[in-house]
């Protein structure tokens, strides 16, 4: 028991040392490759399925999870947009910001395009954006860690982003909120998931909930920004303040307590 108590602080020290020396990047990539080798199940849902190494890059524990959670998250975003007056089947422009390996886009893009709309995807990782461009309907591009996006002002009606703000520092999140407001038309809608107080209390690391209550914005693992290694936790009021320059808050949906579903900010650009 004593040995296990000593091992945890030691691991923390080693991880911080790797962050400071830059070794955490290669180590984390090695862990991802090892996880990909163990991704054994199949999911035949009639849509292109990315290779295992790309599923793991977006934290997919299995191909079945990738398929089923992608379908449910696509339905969640479509239903939430409709509730706020934006119909994905009405010939609109949609941006999947942080599209990953198309977990959600593979369900939503066909519906948007079939209705005469335009579907765009963008991701920090060129491998992920490239796979989507080669295998899914729509137009996909690589973005940098900082704006801009390869879209004009007011180019789209709806932007959704699942677990993107959750991997950014506060300054970077603020910059991307401004950029999302730029590419949305006046009155356009942004649906952005984040780790709020409820999610932190139910699913966060042991110390994150009290820190979030005190600080409003907490970054866990200060390295590899934009990757799943870094996690960001944002109080609801702080997110509203960060978005205030370009958006009105239409709704804030708390994170799930009974199951790990992130909070959702529903933001509308001003007309």
C-alpha atoms as a PDB file:
ATOM      1  CA  UNK A   1       0.000   0.000   0.000  1.00  0.00           C
ATOM      2  CA  UNK A   2       2.785   2.406   0.962  1.00  0.00           C
ATOM      3  CA  UNK A   3       4.584   1.674  -2.309  1.00  0.00           C
ATOM      4  CA  UNK A   4       1.494   2.492  -4.353  1.00  0.00           C
ATOM      5  CA  UNK A   5       1.046   5.785  -2.451  1.00  0.00           C
ATOM      6  CA  UNK A   6       4.619   6.734  -3.290  1.00  0.00           C
ATOM      7  CA  UNK A   7       4.296   5.699  -6.943  1.00  0.00           C
ATOM      8  CA  UNK A   8       1.541   8.175  -7.813  1.00  0.00           C
ATOM      9  CA  UNK A   9       3.490  11.342  -6.838  1.00  0.00           C
ATOM     10  CA  UNK A  10       6.557   9.920  -8.595  1.00  0.00           C
ATOM     11  CA  UNK A  11       4.598   9.470 -11.814  1.00  0.00           C
ATOM     12  CA  UNK A  12       3.378  13.056 -11.524  1.00  0.00           C
ATOM     13  CA  UNK A  13       6.945  14.337 -11.159  1.00  0.00           C
ATOM     14  CA  UNK A  14       8.121  12.285 -14.139  1.00  0.00           C
ATOM     15  CA  UNK A  15       5.244  13.568 -16.277  1.00  0.00           C
ATOM     16  CA  UNK A  16       6.001  17.211 -15.416  1.00  0.00           C
ATOM     17  CA  UNK A  17       9.674  16.646 -16.228  1.00  0.00           C
ATOM     18  CA  UNK A  18       8.718  15.186 -19.613  1.00  0.00           C
ATOM     19  CA  UNK A  19       6.487  18.208 -20.263  1.00  0.00           C
ATOM     20  CA  UNK A  20       9.306  20.644 -19.516  1.00  0.00           C
ATOM     21  CA  UNK A  21      11.833  18.763 -21.670  1.00  0.00           C
ATOM     22  CA  UNK A  22       9.492  18.195 -24.631  1.00  0.00           C
ATOM     23  CA  UNK A  23       9.614  14.410 -24.272  1.00  0.00           C
ATOM     24  CA  UNK A  24       5.903  14.178 -23.494  1.00  0.00           C
ATOM     25  CA  UNK A  25       5.000  14.560 -27.178  1.00  0.00           C
ATOM     26  CA  UNK A  26       6.854  11.472 -28.452  1.00  0.00           C
ATOM     27  CA  UNK A  27       5.770   9.508 -25.384  1.00  0.00           C
ATOM     28  CA  UNK A  28       2.104  10.411 -25.858  1.00  0.00           C
ATOM     29  CA  UNK A  29       2.260   9.518 -29.567  1.00  0.00           C
ATOM     30  CA  UNK A  30       3.751   6.139 -28.601  1.00  0.00           C
ATOM     31  CA  UNK A  31       0.863   5.533 -26.200  1.00  0.00           C
ATOM     32  CA  UNK A  32      -1.613   6.350 -28.986  1.00  0.00           C
ATOM     33  CA  UNK A  33       0.065   3.895 -31.380  1.00  0.00           C
ATOM     34  CA  UNK A  34       0.017   1.188 -28.705  1.00  0.00           C
ATOM     35  CA  UNK A  35      -3.698   1.802 -28.086  1.00  0.00           C
ATOM     36  CA  UNK A  36      -4.424   1.585 -31.807  1.00  0.00           C
ATOM     37  CA  UNK A  37      -2.916  -1.901 -31.965  1.00  0.00           C
ATOM     38  CA  UNK A  38      -5.452  -3.047 -29.381  1.00  0.00           C
ATOM     39  CA  UNK A  39      -8.515  -1.625 -31.162  1.00  0.00           C
ATOM     40  CA  UNK A  40     -10.065  -4.914 -32.176  1.00  0.00           C
ATOM     41  CA  UNK A  41     -13.804  -4.616 -32.767  1.00  0.00           C
ATOM     42  CA  UNK A  42     -15.607  -3.772 -35.996  1.00  0.00           C
ATOM     43  CA  UNK A  43     -18.587  -1.526 -36.728  1.00  0.00           C
ATOM     44  CA  UNK A  44     -20.375  -1.992 -40.031  1.00  0.00           C
ATOM     45  CA  UNK A  45     -22.676   1.033 -40.185  1.00  0.00           C
ATOM     46  CA  UNK A  46     -22.551   1.580 -43.950  1.00  0.00           C
ATOM     47  CA  UNK A  47     -20.215   4.577 -43.707  1.00  0.00           C
ATOM     48  CA  UNK A  48     -16.459   4.897 -44.228  1.00  0.00           C
ATOM     49  CA  UNK A  49     -14.578   3.929 -41.071  1.00  0.00           C
ATOM     50  CA  UNK A  50     -11.162   5.513 -40.400  1.00  0.00           C
ATOM     51  CA  UNK A  51      -8.179   3.308 -39.563  1.00  0.00           C
ATOM     52  CA  UNK A  52      -7.528   2.402 -35.939  1.00  0.00           C
ATOM     53  CA  UNK A  53      -4.745   4.956 -35.440  1.00  0.00           C
ATOM     54  CA  UNK A  54      -7.109   7.793 -36.363  1.00  0.00           C
ATOM     55  CA  UNK A  55      -9.932   6.479 -34.166  1.00  0.00           C
ATOM     56  CA  UNK A  56      -7.514   6.484 -31.214  1.00  0.00           C
ATOM     57  CA  UNK A  57      -6.368  10.042 -32.005  1.00  0.00           C
ATOM     58  CA  UNK A  58      -9.886  11.273 -31.237  1.00  0.00           C
ATOM     59  CA  UNK A  59     -10.079   9.204 -28.035  1.00  0.00           C
ATOM     60  CA  UNK A  60     -12.247   6.497 -29.533  1.00  0.00           C
ATOM     61  CA  UNK A  61     -12.030   3.436 -27.245  1.00  0.00           C
ATOM     62  CA  UNK A  62     -13.519   1.243 -29.992  1.00  0.00           C
ATOM     63  CA  UNK A  63     -14.936   1.397 -33.505  1.00  0.00           C
ATOM     64  CA  UNK A  64     -18.382   0.557 -32.123  1.00  0.00           C
ATOM     65  CA  UNK A  65     -18.147   3.550 -29.760  1.00  0.00           C
ATOM     66  CA  UNK A  66     -16.902   5.722 -32.639  1.00  0.00           C
ATOM     67  CA  UNK A  67     -19.950   4.757 -34.720  1.00  0.00           C
ATOM     68  CA  UNK A  68     -22.655   4.810 -32.056  1.00  0.00           C
ATOM     69  CA  UNK A  69     -21.461   7.909 -30.201  1.00  0.00           C
ATOM     70  CA  UNK A  70     -20.934   9.706 -33.510  1.00  0.00           C
ATOM     71  CA  UNK A  71     -24.520   8.984 -34.514  1.00  0.00           C
ATOM     72  CA  UNK A  72     -25.923  10.112 -31.144  1.00  0.00           C
ATOM     73  CA  UNK A  73     -23.821  13.291 -31.028  1.00  0.00           C
ATOM     74  CA  UNK A  74     -24.862  14.165 -34.594  1.00  0.00           C
ATOM     75  CA  UNK A  75     -28.515  13.769 -33.591  1.00  0.00           C
ATOM     76  CA  UNK A  76     -27.925  15.846 -30.460  1.00  0.00           C
ATOM     77  CA  UNK A  77     -26.433  18.735 -32.439  1.00  0.00           C
ATOM     78  CA  UNK A  78     -29.133  18.570 -35.134  1.00  0.00           C
ATOM     79  CA  UNK A  79     -31.934  18.495 -32.562  1.00  0.00           C
ATOM     80  CA  UNK A  80     -30.407  21.313 -30.527  1.00  0.00           C
ATOM     81  CA  UNK A  81     -29.924  23.481 -33.624  1.00  0.00           C
ATOM     82  CA  UNK A  82     -33.539  22.873 -34.667  1.00  0.00           C
ATOM     83  CA  UNK A  83     -34.746  23.838 -31.200  1.00  0.00           C
ATOM     84  CA  UNK A  84     -33.035  27.189 -31.729  1.00  0.00           C
ATOM     85  CA  UNK A  85     -34.384  27.736 -35.230  1.00  0.00           C
ATOM     86  CA  UNK A  86     -31.608  26.319 -37.440  1.00  0.00           C
ATOM     87  CA  UNK A  87     -32.553  23.262 -39.527  1.00  0.00           C
ATOM     88  CA  UNK A  88     -29.618  21.226 -40.879  1.00  0.00           C
ATOM     89  CA  UNK A  89     -31.953  19.888 -43.586  1.00  0.00           C
ATOM     90  CA  UNK A  90     -32.835  23.354 -44.914  1.00  0.00           C
ATOM     91  CA  UNK A  91     -29.966  23.958 -47.330  1.00  0.00           C
ATOM     92  CA  UNK A  92     -27.679  25.782 -44.889  1.00  0.00           C
ATOM     93  CA  UNK A  93     -23.923  26.125 -44.443  1.00  0.00           C
ATOM     94  CA  UNK A  94     -22.447  24.052 -41.609  1.00  0.00           C
ATOM     95  CA  UNK A  95     -18.944  23.934 -40.127  1.00  0.00           C
ATOM     96  CA  UNK A  96     -17.684  21.032 -38.033  1.00  0.00           C
ATOM     97  CA  UNK A  97     -14.866  22.779 -36.155  1.00  0.00           C
ATOM     98  CA  UNK A  98     -12.420  20.176 -34.896  1.00  0.00           C
ATOM     99  CA  UNK A  99     -13.900  17.507 -37.147  1.00  0.00           C
ATOM    100  CA  UNK A 100     -11.354  14.872 -36.108  1.00  0.00           C
ATOM    101  CA  UNK A 101     -11.744  11.682 -38.124  1.00  0.00           C
ATOM    102  CA  UNK A 102     -15.341  12.552 -39.015  1.00  0.00           C
ATOM    103  CA  UNK A 103     -17.002  10.858 -36.051  1.00  0.00           C
ATOM    104  CA  UNK A 104     -19.943  13.287 -36.281  1.00  0.00           C
ATOM    105  CA  UNK A 105     -19.454  14.524 -39.855  1.00  0.00           C
ATOM    106  CA  UNK A 106     -19.937  11.042 -41.320  1.00  0.00           C
ATOM    107  CA  UNK A 107     -23.546  11.238 -40.068  1.00  0.00           C
ATOM    108  CA  UNK A 108     -24.332  14.932 -40.549  1.00  0.00           C
ATOM    109  CA  UNK A 109     -22.500  15.819 -43.773  1.00  0.00           C
ATOM    110  CA  UNK A 110     -24.603  13.539 -46.046  1.00  0.00           C
ATOM    111  CA  UNK A 111     -27.844  14.978 -44.646  1.00  0.00           C
ATOM    112  CA  UNK A 112     -26.692  18.595 -45.028  1.00  0.00           C
ATOM    113  CA  UNK A 113     -25.465  18.085 -48.591  1.00  0.00           C
ATOM    114  CA  UNK A 114     -28.525  16.039 -49.629  1.00  0.00           C
ATOM    115  CA  UNK A 115     -30.671  19.009 -48.601  1.00  0.00           C
ATOM    116  CA  UNK A 116     -28.676  21.354 -50.848  1.00  0.00           C
ATOM    117  CA  UNK A 117     -26.488  22.741 -48.084  1.00  0.00           C
ATOM    118  CA  UNK A 118     -22.718  23.182 -47.762  1.00  0.00           C
ATOM    119  CA  UNK A 119     -20.686  21.192 -45.253  1.00  0.00           C
ATOM    120  CA  UNK A 120     -17.210  22.219 -44.092  1.00  0.00           C
ATOM    121  CA  UNK A 121     -14.860  20.534 -41.677  1.00  0.00           C
ATOM    122  CA  UNK A 122     -11.636  21.792 -40.146  1.00  0.00           C
ATOM    123  CA  UNK A 123      -9.084  20.199 -37.839  1.00  0.00           C
ATOM    124  CA  UNK A 124      -5.673  20.941 -36.354  1.00  0.00           C
ATOM    125  CA  UNK A 125      -4.328  17.523 -37.351  1.00  0.00           C
ATOM    126  CA  UNK A 126      -3.690  17.268 -41.116  1.00  0.00           C
ATOM    127  CA  UNK A 127      -3.985  13.459 -41.014  1.00  0.00           C
ATOM    128  CA  UNK A 128      -7.522  13.715 -39.657  1.00  0.00           C
ATOM    129  CA  UNK A 129      -8.634  16.484 -42.009  1.00  0.00           C
ATOM    130  CA  UNK A 130      -7.005  14.647 -44.928  1.00  0.00           C
ATOM    131  CA  UNK A 131      -8.804  11.402 -44.189  1.00  0.00           C
ATOM    132  CA  UNK A 132     -12.146  13.224 -44.035  1.00  0.00           C
ATOM    133  CA  UNK A 133     -11.433  14.997 -47.334  1.00  0.00           C
ATOM    134  CA  UNK A 134     -10.648  11.681 -49.020  1.00  0.00           C
ATOM    135  CA  UNK A 135     -13.550   9.690 -47.594  1.00  0.00           C
ATOM    136  CA  UNK A 136     -16.483  11.907 -46.594  1.00  0.00           C
ATOM    137  CA  UNK A 137     -18.735  14.351 -48.461  1.00  0.00           C
ATOM    138  CA  UNK A 138     -17.998  18.015 -47.864  1.00  0.00           C
ATOM    139  CA  UNK A 139     -14.964  20.315 -47.929  1.00  0.00           C
ATOM    140  CA  UNK A 140     -12.269  19.794 -45.288  1.00  0.00           C
ATOM    141  CA  UNK A 141      -9.230  21.877 -44.374  1.00  0.00           C
ATOM    142  CA  UNK A 142      -6.443  22.002 -41.805  1.00  0.00           C
ATOM    143  CA  UNK A 143      -6.383  24.906 -39.359  1.00  0.00           C
ATOM    144  CA  UNK A 144      -3.591  26.120 -37.115  1.00  0.00           C
ATOM    145  CA  UNK A 145      -3.630  26.234 -33.339  1.00  0.00           C
ATOM    146  CA  UNK A 146      -4.541  29.907 -33.722  1.00  0.00           C
ATOM    147  CA  UNK A 147      -7.073  31.449 -36.173  1.00  0.00           C
ATOM    148  CA  UNK A 148      -7.935  32.060 -38.963  1.00  0.00           C
ATOM    149  CA  UNK A 149     -10.132  29.467 -40.631  1.00  0.00           C
ATOM    150  CA  UNK A 150     -10.190  29.097 -44.416  1.00  0.00           C
ATOM    151  CA  UNK A 151     -13.693  30.610 -44.622  1.00  0.00           C
ATOM    152  CA  UNK A 152     -14.993  34.081 -45.384  1.00  0.00           C
ATOM    153  CA  UNK A 153     -16.968  36.365 -43.113  1.00  0.00           C
ATOM    154  CA  UNK A 154     -20.509  35.109 -42.523  1.00  0.00           C
ATOM    155  CA  UNK A 155     -19.854  31.964 -44.584  1.00  0.00           C
ATOM    156  CA  UNK A 156     -21.946  29.520 -42.544  1.00  0.00           C
ATOM    157  CA  UNK A 157     -25.199  29.368 -40.591  1.00  0.00           C
ATOM    158  CA  UNK A 158     -24.162  26.792 -37.997  1.00  0.00           C
ATOM    159  CA  UNK A 159     -20.897  25.880 -36.298  1.00  0.00           C
ATOM    160  CA  UNK A 160     -20.623  22.928 -33.945  1.00  0.00           C
ATOM    161  CA  UNK A 161     -17.525  21.812 -32.074  1.00  0.00           C
ATOM    162  CA  UNK A 162     -17.383  18.745 -29.883  1.00  0.00           C
ATOM    163  CA  UNK A 163     -14.571  18.703 -27.316  1.00  0.00           C
ATOM    164  CA  UNK A 164     -12.445  21.429 -28.896  1.00  0.00           C
ATOM    165  CA  UNK A 165     -12.577  24.127 -26.228  1.00  0.00           C
ATOM    166  CA  UNK A 166     -11.757  21.308 -23.799  1.00  0.00           C
ATOM    167  CA  UNK A 167      -8.153  21.208 -25.052  1.00  0.00           C
ATOM    168  CA  UNK A 168      -7.263  24.914 -25.288  1.00  0.00           C
ATOM    169  CA  UNK A 169      -5.785  27.534 -22.991  1.00  0.00           C
ATOM    170  CA  UNK A 170      -8.047  30.446 -22.130  1.00  0.00           C
ATOM    171  CA  UNK A 171      -6.306  32.853 -24.504  1.00  0.00           C
ATOM    172  CA  UNK A 172      -6.597  30.409 -27.407  1.00  0.00           C
ATOM    173  CA  UNK A 173     -10.245  29.694 -26.595  1.00  0.00           C
ATOM    174  CA  UNK A 174     -11.000  33.420 -26.629  1.00  0.00           C
ATOM    175  CA  UNK A 175      -9.354  33.789 -30.043  1.00  0.00           C
ATOM    176  CA  UNK A 176     -11.344  30.893 -31.514  1.00  0.00           C
ATOM    177  CA  UNK A 177     -14.634  32.186 -30.132  1.00  0.00           C
ATOM    178  CA  UNK A 178     -14.001  35.436 -31.985  1.00  0.00           C
ATOM    179  CA  UNK A 179     -13.114  33.541 -35.161  1.00  0.00           C
ATOM    180  CA  UNK A 180     -16.240  31.374 -34.961  1.00  0.00           C
ATOM    181  CA  UNK A 181     -18.304  34.546 -34.607  1.00  0.00           C
ATOM    182  CA  UNK A 182     -16.589  35.932 -37.721  1.00  0.00           C
ATOM    183  CA  UNK A 183     -17.420  32.981 -39.992  1.00  0.00           C
ATOM    184  CA  UNK A 184     -21.043  32.787 -38.804  1.00  0.00           C
ATOM    185  CA  UNK A 185     -23.710  34.906 -40.462  1.00  0.00           C
ATOM    186  CA  UNK A 186     -25.520  37.446 -38.273  1.00  0.00           C
ATOM    187  CA  UNK A 187     -27.983  35.453 -36.203  1.00  0.00           C
ATOM    188  CA  UNK A 188     -26.016  32.258 -36.827  1.00  0.00           C
ATOM    189  CA  UNK A 189     -25.669  29.554 -34.198  1.00  0.00           C
ATOM    190  CA  UNK A 190     -22.644  28.014 -32.463  1.00  0.00           C
ATOM    191  CA  UNK A 191     -22.970  24.778 -30.463  1.00  0.00           C
ATOM    192  CA  UNK A 192     -19.801  24.262 -28.436  1.00  0.00           C
ATOM    193  CA  UNK A 193     -19.168  21.591 -25.821  1.00  0.00           C
ATOM    194  CA  UNK A 194     -17.017  22.263 -22.754  1.00  0.00           C
ATOM    195  CA  UNK A 195     -16.109  20.866 -19.328  1.00  0.00           C
ATOM    196  CA  UNK A 196     -18.273  22.811 -16.863  1.00  0.00           C
ATOM    197  CA  UNK A 197     -18.626  22.648 -13.073  1.00  0.00           C
ATOM    198  CA  UNK A 198     -21.029  19.684 -13.160  1.00  0.00           C
ATOM    199  CA  UNK A 199     -18.758  17.680 -15.458  1.00  0.00           C
ATOM    200  CA  UNK A 200     -15.705  18.551 -13.349  1.00  0.00           C
ATOM    201  CA  UNK A 201     -17.383  17.375 -10.151  1.00  0.00           C
ATOM    202  CA  UNK A 202     -18.598  14.113 -11.657  1.00  0.00           C
ATOM    203  CA  UNK A 203     -15.803  13.149 -14.045  1.00  0.00           C
ATOM    204  CA  UNK A 204     -12.801  15.417 -13.548  1.00  0.00           C
ATOM    205  CA  UNK A 205      -9.472  14.763 -11.829  1.00  0.00           C
ATOM    206  CA  UNK A 206      -9.767  14.904  -8.017  1.00  0.00           C
ATOM    207  CA  UNK A 207      -8.549  18.499  -7.611  1.00  0.00           C
ATOM    208  CA  UNK A 208     -10.149  20.157 -10.633  1.00  0.00           C
ATOM    209  CA  UNK A 209     -13.628  20.954  -9.243  1.00  0.00           C
ATOM    210  CA  UNK A 210     -12.435  23.124  -6.301  1.00  0.00           C
ATOM    211  CA  UNK A 211      -9.879  24.835  -8.529  1.00  0.00           C
ATOM    212  CA  UNK A 212     -12.552  25.555 -11.137  1.00  0.00           C
ATOM    213  CA  UNK A 213     -14.811  27.082  -8.493  1.00  0.00           C
ATOM    214  CA  UNK A 214     -11.960  29.357  -7.392  1.00  0.00           C
ATOM    215  CA  UNK A 215     -10.326  30.178 -10.736  1.00  0.00           C
ATOM    216  CA  UNK A 216     -13.034  29.910 -13.401  1.00  0.00           C
ATOM    217  CA  UNK A 217     -10.703  28.391 -16.018  1.00  0.00           C
ATOM    218  CA  UNK A 218      -8.342  25.497 -15.286  1.00  0.00           C
ATOM    219  CA  UNK A 219      -5.847  23.834 -17.629  1.00  0.00           C
ATOM    220  CA  UNK A 220      -4.869  20.288 -16.684  1.00  0.00           C
ATOM    221  CA  UNK A 221      -1.555  19.020 -18.107  1.00  0.00           C
ATOM    222  CA  UNK A 222       0.106  22.180 -19.438  1.00  0.00           C
ATOM    223  CA  UNK A 223       1.539  20.729 -22.659  1.00  0.00           C
ATOM    224  CA  UNK A 224       0.508  19.608 -26.153  1.00  0.00           C
ATOM    225  CA  UNK A 225      -2.225  22.238 -26.506  1.00  0.00           C
ATOM    226  CA  UNK A 226      -4.912  21.139 -28.938  1.00  0.00           C
ATOM    227  CA  UNK A 227      -4.380  17.444 -28.181  1.00  0.00           C
ATOM    228  CA  UNK A 228      -6.261  15.120 -25.847  1.00  0.00           C
ATOM    229  CA  UNK A 229      -3.314  15.256 -23.446  1.00  0.00           C
ATOM    230  CA  UNK A 230      -4.248  18.771 -22.331  1.00  0.00           C
ATOM    231  CA  UNK A 231      -7.696  19.284 -20.816  1.00  0.00           C
ATOM    232  CA  UNK A 232      -9.394  22.600 -20.065  1.00  0.00           C
ATOM    233  CA  UNK A 233     -12.201  23.160 -17.561  1.00  0.00           C
ATOM    234  CA  UNK A 234     -14.379  26.265 -17.829  1.00  0.00           C
ATOM    235  CA  UNK A 235     -16.978  27.653 -15.442  1.00  0.00           C
ATOM    236  CA  UNK A 236     -20.215  28.438 -17.268  1.00  0.00           C
ATOM    237  CA  UNK A 237     -20.076  32.125 -16.368  1.00  0.00           C
ATOM    238  CA  UNK A 238     -16.474  32.342 -17.591  1.00  0.00           C
ATOM    239  CA  UNK A 239     -17.376  30.824 -20.965  1.00  0.00           C
ATOM    240  CA  UNK A 240     -20.247  33.294 -21.329  1.00  0.00           C
ATOM    241  CA  UNK A 241     -17.821  36.139 -20.580  1.00  0.00           C
ATOM    242  CA  UNK A 242     -15.273  34.847 -23.104  1.00  0.00           C
ATOM    243  CA  UNK A 243     -17.974  34.711 -25.793  1.00  0.00           C
ATOM    244  CA  UNK A 244     -19.603  38.039 -24.921  1.00  0.00           C
ATOM    245  CA  UNK A 245     -17.745  40.091 -27.532  1.00  0.00           C
ATOM    246  CA  UNK A 246     -19.398  38.267 -30.429  1.00  0.00           C
ATOM    247  CA  UNK A 247     -22.329  36.283 -29.092  1.00  0.00           C
ATOM    248  CA  UNK A 248     -25.475  36.321 -27.044  1.00  0.00           C
ATOM    249  CA  UNK A 249     -25.987  33.213 -24.888  1.00  0.00           C
ATOM    250  CA  UNK A 250     -29.114  31.357 -26.024  1.00  0.00           C
ATOM    251  CA  UNK A 251     -28.751  28.413 -23.648  1.00  0.00           C
ATOM    252  CA  UNK A 252     -26.221  26.683 -21.412  1.00  0.00           C
ATOM    253  CA  UNK A 253     -26.793  22.945 -20.966  1.00  0.00           C
ATOM    254  CA  UNK A 254     -24.942  21.492 -17.941  1.00  0.00           C
ATOM    255  CA  UNK A 255     -22.644  18.511 -18.275  1.00  0.00           C
ATOM    256  CA  UNK A 256     -23.983  15.071 -17.514  1.00  0.00           C
ATOM    257  CA  UNK A 257     -23.661  13.675 -14.018  1.00  0.00           C
ATOM    258  CA  UNK A 258     -25.060  10.180 -14.594  1.00  0.00           C
ATOM    259  CA  UNK A 259     -23.057   9.709 -17.798  1.00  0.00           C
ATOM    260  CA  UNK A 260     -20.030  11.616 -19.133  1.00  0.00           C
ATOM    261  CA  UNK A 261     -21.676  14.067 -21.553  1.00  0.00           C
ATOM    262  CA  UNK A 262     -20.031  17.475 -21.814  1.00  0.00           C
ATOM    263  CA  UNK A 263     -21.830  20.765 -21.222  1.00  0.00           C
ATOM    264  CA  UNK A 264     -23.035  22.603 -24.348  1.00  0.00           C
ATOM    265  CA  UNK A 265     -22.964  26.355 -24.922  1.00  0.00           C
ATOM    266  CA  UNK A 266     -25.600  27.515 -27.416  1.00  0.00           C
ATOM    267  CA  UNK A 267     -24.432  30.890 -28.707  1.00  0.00           C
ATOM    268  CA  UNK A 268     -26.012  33.202 -31.295  1.00  0.00           C
ATOM    269  CA  UNK A 269     -24.177  35.900 -33.219  1.00  0.00           C
ATOM    270  CA  UNK A 270     -25.720  39.330 -32.966  1.00  0.00           C
ATOM    271  CA  UNK A 271     -27.747  40.686 -35.892  1.00  0.00           C
END
